[in-house]
Amino acid sequence: VESGGGLVQPGGSLRLSCTASGRTFRDYMMGWFRQT
């Protein structure tokens, strides 16, 4: 589940968060992707 997006002016900052639940794991690669 992601959160933290929004509208920001050039030069500004945002912080995205992604909270995971489900199966137990320790060796996942957690990636961020973007799409237009």
PDB file of all heavy atoms in Angstrom:
ATOM      1  N   VAL A   1       0.847  -1.180   0.000  1.00  0.00           N
ATOM      2  CA  VAL A   1       0.000   0.000   0.000  1.00  0.00           C
ATOM      3  C   VAL A   1       0.884   1.232   0.000  1.00  0.00           C
ATOM      4  O   VAL A   1       1.708   1.409   0.899  1.00  0.00           O
ATOM      5  CB  VAL A   1      -0.942   0.025   1.214  1.00  0.00           C
ATOM      6  CG1 VAL A   1      -1.792   1.291   1.195  1.00  0.00           C
ATOM      7  CG2 VAL A   1      -1.839  -1.205   1.214  1.00  0.00           C
ATOM      8  N   GLU A   2       0.700   2.094  -0.999  1.00  0.00           N
ATOM      9  CA  GLU A   2       1.512   3.287  -1.151  1.00  0.00           C
ATOM     10  C   GLU A   2       0.781   4.519  -0.647  1.00  0.00           C
ATOM     11  O   GLU A   2      -0.451   4.572  -0.623  1.00  0.00           O
ATOM     12  CB  GLU A   2       1.881   3.509  -2.618  1.00  0.00           C
ATOM     13  CG  GLU A   2       2.760   2.432  -3.207  1.00  0.00           C
ATOM     14  CD  GLU A   2       3.152   2.751  -4.633  1.00  0.00           C
ATOM     15  OE1 GLU A   2       2.651   3.760  -5.185  1.00  0.00           O
ATOM     16  OE2 GLU A   2       3.961   1.996  -5.193  1.00  0.00           O
ATOM     17  N   SER A   3       1.566   5.524  -0.311  1.00  0.00           N
ATOM     18  CA  SER A   3       1.031   6.819   0.058  1.00  0.00           C
ATOM     19  C   SER A   3       2.116   7.870  -0.140  1.00  0.00           C
ATOM     20  O   SER A   3       3.284   7.544  -0.319  1.00  0.00           O
ATOM     21  CB  SER A   3       0.535   6.835   1.501  1.00  0.00           C
ATOM     22  OG  SER A   3       1.599   6.600   2.408  1.00  0.00           O
ATOM     23  N   GLY A   4       1.727   9.128  -0.112  1.00  0.00           N
ATOM     24  CA  GLY A   4       2.681  10.217  -0.131  1.00  0.00           C
ATOM     25  C   GLY A   4       2.750  11.033  -1.402  1.00  0.00           C
ATOM     26  O   GLY A   4       3.459  12.042  -1.442  1.00  0.00           O
ATOM     27  N   GLY A   5       2.039  10.624  -2.432  1.00  0.00           N
ATOM     28  CA  GLY A   5       2.047  11.394  -3.661  1.00  0.00           C
ATOM     29  C   GLY A   5       1.301  12.702  -3.510  1.00  0.00           C
ATOM     30  O   GLY A   5       0.634  12.958  -2.508  1.00  0.00           O
ATOM     31  N   GLY A   6       1.431  13.543  -4.520  1.00  0.00           N
ATOM     32  CA  GLY A   6       0.747  14.820  -4.487  1.00  0.00           C
ATOM     33  C   GLY A   6       1.273  15.766  -5.526  1.00  0.00           C
ATOM     34  O   GLY A   6       2.011  15.375  -6.438  1.00  0.00           O
ATOM     35  N   LEU A   7       0.888  17.016  -5.392  1.00  0.00           N
ATOM     36  CA  LEU A   7       1.303  18.077  -6.291  1.00  0.00           C
ATOM     37  C   LEU A   7       2.377  18.919  -5.622  1.00  0.00           C
ATOM     38  O   LEU A   7       2.208  19.359  -4.481  1.00  0.00           O
ATOM     39  CB  LEU A   7       0.103  18.955  -6.660  1.00  0.00           C
ATOM     40  CG  LEU A   7       0.384  20.204  -7.487  1.00  0.00           C
ATOM     41  CD1 LEU A   7       0.919  19.831  -8.861  1.00  0.00           C
ATOM     42  CD2 LEU A   7      -0.880  21.045  -7.606  1.00  0.00           C
ATOM     43  N   VAL A   8       3.466  19.143  -6.332  1.00  0.00           N
ATOM     44  CA  VAL A   8       4.569  19.915  -5.788  1.00  0.00           C
ATOM     45  C   VAL A   8       5.175  20.764  -6.893  1.00  0.00           C
ATOM     46  O   VAL A   8       5.147  20.383  -8.065  1.00  0.00           O
ATOM     47  CB  VAL A   8       5.627  18.990  -5.157  1.00  0.00           C
ATOM     48  CG1 VAL A   8       6.273  18.102  -6.209  1.00  0.00           C
ATOM     49  CG2 VAL A   8       6.671  19.776  -4.391  1.00  0.00           C
ATOM     50  N   GLN A   9       5.700  21.920  -6.535  1.00  0.00           N
ATOM     51  CA  GLN A   9       6.359  22.779  -7.506  1.00  0.00           C
ATOM     52  C   GLN A   9       7.752  22.270  -7.832  1.00  0.00           C
ATOM     53  O   GLN A   9       8.363  21.551  -7.033  1.00  0.00           O
ATOM     54  CB  GLN A   9       6.444  24.208  -6.973  1.00  0.00           C
ATOM     55  CG  GLN A   9       5.094  24.884  -6.806  1.00  0.00           C
ATOM     56  CD  GLN A   9       5.214  26.335  -6.404  1.00  0.00           C
ATOM     57  OE1 GLN A   9       6.309  26.846  -6.180  1.00  0.00           O
ATOM     58  NE2 GLN A   9       4.092  27.012  -6.318  1.00  0.00           N
ATOM     59  N   PRO A  10       8.276  22.603  -9.003  1.00  0.00           N
ATOM     60  CA  PRO A  10       9.650  22.213  -9.320  1.00  0.00           C
ATOM     61  C   PRO A  10      10.618  22.652  -8.231  1.00  0.00           C
ATOM     62  O   PRO A  10      10.535  23.768  -7.714  1.00  0.00           O
ATOM     63  CB  PRO A  10       9.917  22.936 -10.640  1.00  0.00           C
ATOM     64  CG  PRO A  10       8.566  23.076 -11.260  1.00  0.00           C
ATOM     65  CD  PRO A  10       7.623  23.319 -10.108  1.00  0.00           C
ATOM     66  N   GLY A  11      11.531  21.756  -7.899  1.00  0.00           N
ATOM     67  CA  GLY A  11      12.472  22.010  -6.828  1.00  0.00           C
ATOM     68  C   GLY A  11      11.997  21.564  -5.464  1.00  0.00           C
ATOM     69  O   GLY A  11      12.791  21.565  -4.509  1.00  0.00           O
ATOM     70  N   GLY A  12      10.748  21.185  -5.366  1.00  0.00           N
ATOM     71  CA  GLY A  12      10.193  20.755  -4.103  1.00  0.00           C
ATOM     72  C   GLY A  12      10.496  19.303  -3.792  1.00  0.00           C
ATOM     73  O   GLY A  12      11.209  18.622  -4.523  1.00  0.00           O
ATOM     74  N   SER A  13       9.912  18.832  -2.707  1.00  0.00           N
ATOM     75  CA  SER A  13      10.189  17.491  -2.220  1.00  0.00           C
ATOM     76  C   SER A  13       8.906  16.772  -1.837  1.00  0.00           C
ATOM     77  O   SER A  13       7.915  17.390  -1.444  1.00  0.00           O
ATOM     78  CB  SER A  13      11.111  17.539  -0.996  1.00  0.00           C
ATOM     79  OG  SER A  13      12.356  18.141  -1.303  1.00  0.00           O
ATOM     80  N   LEU A  14       8.941  15.471  -1.958  1.00  0.00           N
ATOM     81  CA  LEU A  14       7.891  14.586  -1.487  1.00  0.00           C
ATOM     82  C   LEU A  14       8.548  13.328  -0.952  1.00  0.00           C
ATOM     83  O   LEU A  14       9.659  12.980  -1.361  1.00  0.00           O
ATOM     84  CB  LEU A  14       6.915  14.201  -2.598  1.00  0.00           C
ATOM     85  CG  LEU A  14       5.934  15.248  -3.107  1.00  0.00           C
ATOM     86  CD1 LEU A  14       5.221  14.716  -4.349  1.00  0.00           C
ATOM     87  CD2 LEU A  14       4.921  15.603  -2.034  1.00  0.00           C
ATOM     88  N   ARG A  15       7.860  12.646  -0.072  1.00  0.00           N
ATOM     89  CA  ARG A  15       8.322  11.359   0.405  1.00  0.00           C
ATOM     90  C   ARG A  15       7.219  10.330   0.231  1.00  0.00           C
ATOM     91  O   ARG A  15       6.131  10.479   0.788  1.00  0.00           O
ATOM     92  CB  ARG A  15       8.748  11.407   1.871  1.00  0.00           C
ATOM     93  CG  ARG A  15       9.399  10.094   2.327  1.00  0.00           C
ATOM     94  CD  ARG A  15       9.791  10.094   3.787  1.00  0.00           C
ATOM     95  NE  ARG A  15       8.639   9.972   4.666  1.00  0.00           N
ATOM     96  CZ  ARG A  15       8.715   9.640   5.945  1.00  0.00           C
ATOM     97  NH1 ARG A  15       9.908   9.396   6.503  1.00  0.00           N
ATOM     98  NH2 ARG A  15       7.617   9.566   6.672  1.00  0.00           N
ATOM     99  N   LEU A  16       7.510   9.304  -0.537  1.00  0.00           N
ATOM    100  CA  LEU A  16       6.581   8.217  -0.733  1.00  0.00           C
ATOM    101  C   LEU A  16       6.839   7.113   0.287  1.00  0.00           C
ATOM    102  O   LEU A  16       7.979   6.881   0.688  1.00  0.00           O
ATOM    103  CB  LEU A  16       6.698   7.640  -2.139  1.00  0.00           C
ATOM    104  CG  LEU A  16       6.562   8.627  -3.305  1.00  0.00           C
ATOM    105  CD1 LEU A  16       6.594   7.875  -4.629  1.00  0.00           C
ATOM    106  CD2 LEU A  16       5.293   9.456  -3.175  1.00  0.00           C
ATOM    107  N   SER A  17       5.777   6.457   0.683  1.00  0.00           N
ATOM    108  CA  SER A  17       5.873   5.337   1.600  1.00  0.00           C
ATOM    109  C   SER A  17       5.148   4.141   1.015  1.00  0.00           C
ATOM    110  O   SER A  17       4.159   4.291   0.301  1.00  0.00           O
ATOM    111  CB  SER A  17       5.257   5.681   2.963  1.00  0.00           C
ATOM    112  OG  SER A  17       5.913   6.776   3.559  1.00  0.00           O
ATOM    113  N   CYS A  18       5.637   2.970   1.331  1.00  0.00           N
ATOM    114  CA  CYS A  18       5.025   1.731   0.877  1.00  0.00           C
ATOM    115  C   CYS A  18       5.076   0.737   2.018  1.00  0.00           C
ATOM    116  O   CYS A  18       6.165   0.320   2.431  1.00  0.00           O
ATOM    117  CB  CYS A  18       5.761   1.201  -0.353  1.00  0.00           C
ATOM    118  SG  CYS A  18       5.164  -0.395  -0.948  1.00  0.00           S
ATOM    119  N   THR A  19       3.916   0.365   2.519  1.00  0.00           N
ATOM    120  CA  THR A  19       3.828  -0.556   3.633  1.00  0.00           C
ATOM    121  C   THR A  19       3.435  -1.940   3.136  1.00  0.00           C
ATOM    122  O   THR A  19       2.490  -2.079   2.361  1.00  0.00           O
ATOM    123  CB  THR A  19       2.819  -0.059   4.675  1.00  0.00           C
ATOM    124  OG1 THR A  19       3.242   1.210   5.174  1.00  0.00           O
ATOM    125  CG2 THR A  19       2.717  -1.034   5.832  1.00  0.00           C
ATOM    126  N   ALA A  20       4.152  -2.936   3.596  1.00  0.00           N
ATOM    127  CA  ALA A  20       3.965  -4.305   3.133  1.00  0.00           C
ATOM    128  C   ALA A  20       3.288  -5.156   4.196  1.00  0.00           C
ATOM    129  O   ALA A  20       3.508  -4.981   5.394  1.00  0.00           O
ATOM    130  CB  ALA A  20       5.301  -4.931   2.759  1.00  0.00           C
ATOM    131  N   SER A  21       2.489  -6.090   3.737  1.00  0.00           N
ATOM    132  CA  SER A  21       1.883  -7.081   4.613  1.00  0.00           C
ATOM    133  C   SER A  21       1.768  -8.389   3.854  1.00  0.00           C
ATOM    134  O   SER A  21       1.904  -8.426   2.634  1.00  0.00           O
ATOM    135  CB  SER A  21       0.511  -6.620   5.111  1.00  0.00           C
ATOM    136  OG  SER A  21      -0.392  -6.456   4.032  1.00  0.00           O
ATOM    137  N   GLY A  22       1.498  -9.470   4.572  1.00  0.00           N
ATOM    138  CA  GLY A  22       1.363 -10.764   3.937  1.00  0.00           C
ATOM    139  C   GLY A  22       2.418 -11.745   4.417  1.00  0.00           C
ATOM    140  O   GLY A  22       2.762 -11.764   5.601  1.00  0.00           O
ATOM    141  N   ARG A  23       2.941 -12.516   3.495  1.00  0.00           N
ATOM    142  CA  ARG A  23       3.880 -13.563   3.840  1.00  0.00           C
ATOM    143  C   ARG A  23       5.151 -13.019   4.464  1.00  0.00           C
ATOM    144  O   ARG A  23       5.587 -11.905   4.153  1.00  0.00           O
ATOM    145  CB  ARG A  23       4.221 -14.402   2.609  1.00  0.00           C
ATOM    146  CG  ARG A  23       4.972 -13.633   1.531  1.00  0.00           C
ATOM    147  CD  ARG A  23       5.230 -14.495   0.300  1.00  0.00           C
ATOM    148  NE  ARG A  23       6.129 -15.594   0.567  1.00  0.00           N
ATOM    149  CZ  ARG A  23       7.458 -15.523   0.485  1.00  0.00           C
ATOM    150  NH1 ARG A  23       8.046 -14.394   0.138  1.00  0.00           N
ATOM    151  NH2 ARG A  23       8.198 -16.593   0.738  1.00  0.00           N
ATOM    152  N   THR A  24       5.729 -13.822   5.320  1.00  0.00           N
ATOM    153  CA  THR A  24       6.988 -13.462   5.941  1.00  0.00           C
ATOM    154  C   THR A  24       8.123 -13.590   4.937  1.00  0.00           C
ATOM    155  O   THR A  24       8.208 -14.566   4.194  1.00  0.00           O
ATOM    156  CB  THR A  24       7.261 -14.361   7.153  1.00  0.00           C
ATOM    157  OG1 THR A  24       6.188 -14.239   8.087  1.00  0.00           O
ATOM    158  CG2 THR A  24       8.560 -13.965   7.832  1.00  0.00           C
ATOM    159  N   PHE A  25       8.987 -12.611   4.919  1.00  0.00           N
ATOM    160  CA  PHE A  25      10.122 -12.628   4.009  1.00  0.00           C
ATOM    161  C   PHE A  25      11.233 -11.757   4.560  1.00  0.00           C
ATOM    162  O   PHE A  25      11.004 -10.889   5.409  1.00  0.00           O
ATOM    163  CB  PHE A  25       9.717 -12.142   2.612  1.00  0.00           C
ATOM    164  CG  PHE A  25       9.323 -10.687   2.575  1.00  0.00           C
ATOM    165  CD1 PHE A  25      10.245  -9.728   2.204  1.00  0.00           C
ATOM    166  CD2 PHE A  25       8.040 -10.282   2.895  1.00  0.00           C
ATOM    167  CE1 PHE A  25       9.898  -8.384   2.154  1.00  0.00           C
ATOM    168  CE2 PHE A  25       7.676  -8.947   2.858  1.00  0.00           C
ATOM    169  CZ  PHE A  25       8.613  -7.996   2.484  1.00  0.00           C
ATOM    170  N   ARG A  26      12.428 -11.982   4.049  1.00  0.00           N
ATOM    171  CA  ARG A  26      13.564 -11.164   4.451  1.00  0.00           C
ATOM    172  C   ARG A  26      14.505 -10.851   3.302  1.00  0.00           C
ATOM    173  O   ARG A  26      15.379 -10.009   3.459  1.00  0.00           O
ATOM    174  CB  ARG A  26      14.356 -11.846   5.560  1.00  0.00           C
ATOM    175  CG  ARG A  26      15.073 -13.119   5.131  1.00  0.00           C
ATOM    176  CD  ARG A  26      15.920 -13.664   6.255  1.00  0.00           C
ATOM    177  NE  ARG A  26      16.647 -14.866   5.860  1.00  0.00           N
ATOM    178  CZ  ARG A  26      17.825 -14.871   5.269  1.00  0.00           C
ATOM    179  NH1 ARG A  26      18.439 -13.726   4.989  1.00  0.00           N
ATOM    180  NH2 ARG A  26      18.417 -16.020   4.961  1.00  0.00           N
ATOM    181  N   ASP A  27      14.339 -11.512   2.174  1.00  0.00           N
ATOM    182  CA  ASP A  27      15.271 -11.361   1.068  1.00  0.00           C
ATOM    183  C   ASP A  27      14.636 -10.782  -0.187  1.00  0.00           C
ATOM    184  O   ASP A  27      15.159 -10.950  -1.282  1.00  0.00           O
ATOM    185  CB  ASP A  27      15.938 -12.697   0.751  1.00  0.00           C
ATOM    186  CG  ASP A  27      14.950 -13.783   0.372  1.00  0.00           C
ATOM    187  OD1 ASP A  27      13.735 -13.595   0.589  1.00  0.00           O
ATOM    188  OD2 ASP A  27      15.388 -14.831  -0.130  1.00  0.00           O
ATOM    189  N   TYR A  28      13.527 -10.086  -0.038  1.00  0.00           N
ATOM    190  CA  TYR A  28      12.904  -9.420  -1.169  1.00  0.00           C
ATOM    191  C   TYR A  28      13.730  -8.232  -1.618  1.00  0.00           C
ATOM    192  O   TYR A  28      14.384  -7.569  -0.823  1.00  0.00           O
ATOM    193  CB  TYR A  28      11.507  -8.928  -0.800  1.00  0.00           C
ATOM    194  CG  TYR A  28      10.385  -9.882  -1.106  1.00  0.00           C
ATOM    195  CD1 TYR A  28      10.376 -11.167  -0.597  1.00  0.00           C
ATOM    196  CD2 TYR A  28       9.309  -9.470  -1.890  1.00  0.00           C
ATOM    197  CE1 TYR A  28       9.345 -12.029  -0.865  1.00  0.00           C
ATOM    198  CE2 TYR A  28       8.259 -10.333  -2.156  1.00  0.00           C
ATOM    199  CZ  TYR A  28       8.276 -11.606  -1.650  1.00  0.00           C
ATOM    200  OH  TYR A  28       7.233 -12.466  -1.904  1.00  0.00           O
ATOM    201  N   MET A  29      13.672  -7.960  -2.907  1.00  0.00           N
ATOM    202  CA  MET A  29      14.105  -6.684  -3.429  1.00  0.00           C
ATOM    203  C   MET A  29      12.879  -5.793  -3.533  1.00  0.00           C
ATOM    204  O   MET A  29      11.876  -6.165  -4.147  1.00  0.00           O
ATOM    205  CB  MET A  29      14.757  -6.835  -4.796  1.00  0.00           C
ATOM    206  CG  MET A  29      15.321  -5.541  -5.363  1.00  0.00           C
ATOM    207  SD  MET A  29      16.778  -4.962  -4.456  1.00  0.00           S
ATOM    208  CE  MET A  29      17.988  -6.195  -4.950  1.00  0.00           C
ATOM    209  N   MET A  30      12.949  -4.636  -2.908  1.00  0.00           N
ATOM    210  CA  MET A  30      11.858  -3.679  -2.945  1.00  0.00           C
ATOM    211  C   MET A  30      12.196  -2.596  -3.953  1.00  0.00           C
ATOM    212  O   MET A  30      13.200  -1.895  -3.800  1.00  0.00           O
ATOM    213  CB  MET A  30      11.609  -3.077  -1.571  1.00  0.00           C
ATOM    214  CG  MET A  30      11.333  -4.113  -0.485  1.00  0.00           C
ATOM    215  SD  MET A  30       9.829  -5.088  -0.810  1.00  0.00           S
ATOM    216  CE  MET A  30       8.581  -3.800  -0.782  1.00  0.00           C
ATOM    217  N   GLY A  31      11.368  -2.484  -4.979  1.00  0.00           N
ATOM    218  CA  GLY A  31      11.645  -1.568  -6.058  1.00  0.00           C
ATOM    219  C   GLY A  31      10.629  -0.451  -6.164  1.00  0.00           C
ATOM    220  O   GLY A  31       9.487  -0.570  -5.714  1.00  0.00           O
ATOM    221  N   TRP A  32      11.075   0.644  -6.754  1.00  0.00           N
ATOM    222  CA  TRP A  32      10.207   1.756  -7.113  1.00  0.00           C
ATOM    223  C   TRP A  32      10.259   1.942  -8.618  1.00  0.00           C
ATOM    224  O   TRP A  32      11.334   1.993  -9.214  1.00  0.00           O
ATOM    225  CB  TRP A  32      10.640   3.048  -6.427  1.00  0.00           C
ATOM    226  CG  TRP A  32      10.425   3.063  -4.953  1.00  0.00           C
ATOM    227  CD1 TRP A  32      11.332   2.762  -3.985  1.00  0.00           C
ATOM    228  CD2 TRP A  32       9.214   3.410  -4.275  1.00  0.00           C
ATOM    229  NE1 TRP A  32      10.771   2.898  -2.743  1.00  0.00           N
ATOM    230  CE2 TRP A  32       9.458   3.300  -2.898  1.00  0.00           C
ATOM    231  CE3 TRP A  32       7.949   3.807  -4.701  1.00  0.00           C
ATOM    232  CZ2 TRP A  32       8.487   3.568  -1.933  1.00  0.00           C
ATOM    233  CZ3 TRP A  32       6.979   4.063  -3.742  1.00  0.00           C
ATOM    234  CH2 TRP A  32       7.258   3.947  -2.384  1.00  0.00           C
ATOM    235  N   PHE A  33       9.081   2.051  -9.221  1.00  0.00           N
ATOM    236  CA  PHE A  33       8.950   2.282 -10.642  1.00  0.00           C
ATOM    237  C   PHE A  33       7.997   3.443 -10.867  1.00  0.00           C
ATOM    238  O   PHE A  33       7.184   3.776 -10.004  1.00  0.00           O
ATOM    239  CB  PHE A  33       8.428   1.032 -11.358  1.00  0.00           C
ATOM    240  CG  PHE A  33       9.403  -0.110 -11.375  1.00  0.00           C
ATOM    241  CD1 PHE A  33       9.581  -0.903 -10.255  1.00  0.00           C
ATOM    242  CD2 PHE A  33      10.148  -0.388 -12.510  1.00  0.00           C
ATOM    243  CE1 PHE A  33      10.486  -1.954 -10.259  1.00  0.00           C
ATOM    244  CE2 PHE A  33      11.051  -1.435 -12.533  1.00  0.00           C
ATOM    245  CZ  PHE A  33      11.218  -2.214 -11.406  1.00  0.00           C
ATOM    246  N   ARG A  34       8.080   4.033 -12.041  1.00  0.00           N
ATOM    247  CA  ARG A  34       7.141   5.089 -12.385  1.00  0.00           C
ATOM    248  C   ARG A  34       6.678   4.920 -13.822  1.00  0.00           C
ATOM    249  O   ARG A  34       7.392   4.370 -14.662  1.00  0.00           O
ATOM    250  CB  ARG A  34       7.741   6.479 -12.168  1.00  0.00           C
ATOM    251  CG  ARG A  34       8.957   6.798 -13.021  1.00  0.00           C
ATOM    252  CD  ARG A  34       9.565   8.122 -12.565  1.00  0.00           C
ATOM    253  NE  ARG A  34      10.717   8.503 -13.359  1.00  0.00           N
ATOM    254  CZ  ARG A  34      11.496   9.538 -13.073  1.00  0.00           C
ATOM    255  NH1 ARG A  34      11.244  10.292 -12.007  1.00  0.00           N
ATOM    256  NH2 ARG A  34      12.534   9.830 -13.844  1.00  0.00           N
ATOM    257  N   GLN A  35       5.481   5.422 -14.077  1.00  0.00           N
ATOM    258  CA  GLN A  35       4.867   5.220 -15.376  1.00  0.00           C
ATOM    259  C   GLN A  35       4.061   6.447 -15.766  1.00  0.00           C
ATOM    260  O   GLN A  35       3.324   7.000 -14.959  1.00  0.00           O
ATOM    261  CB  GLN A  35       3.966   3.987 -15.353  1.00  0.00           C
ATOM    262  CG  GLN A  35       3.379   3.603 -16.698  1.00  0.00           C
ATOM    263  CD  GLN A  35       2.657   2.273 -16.645  1.00  0.00           C
ATOM    264  OE1 GLN A  35       2.113   1.893 -15.608  1.00  0.00           O
ATOM    265  NE2 GLN A  35       2.654   1.555 -17.758  1.00  0.00           N
ATOM    266  N   THR A  36       4.205   6.845 -17.016  1.00  0.00           N
ATOM    267  CA  THR A  36       3.405   7.908 -17.605  1.00  0.00           C
ATOM    268  C   THR A  36       2.537   7.302 -18.695  1.00  0.00           C
ATOM    269  O   THR A  36       2.828   6.211 -19.204  1.00  0.00           O
ATOM    270  CB  THR A  36       4.286   9.018 -18.172  1.00  0.00           C
ATOM    271  OG1 THR A  36       5.213   8.468 -19.117  1.00  0.00           O
ATOM    272  CG2 THR A  36       5.066   9.705 -17.062  1.00  0.00           C
TER     273      THR A  36
END
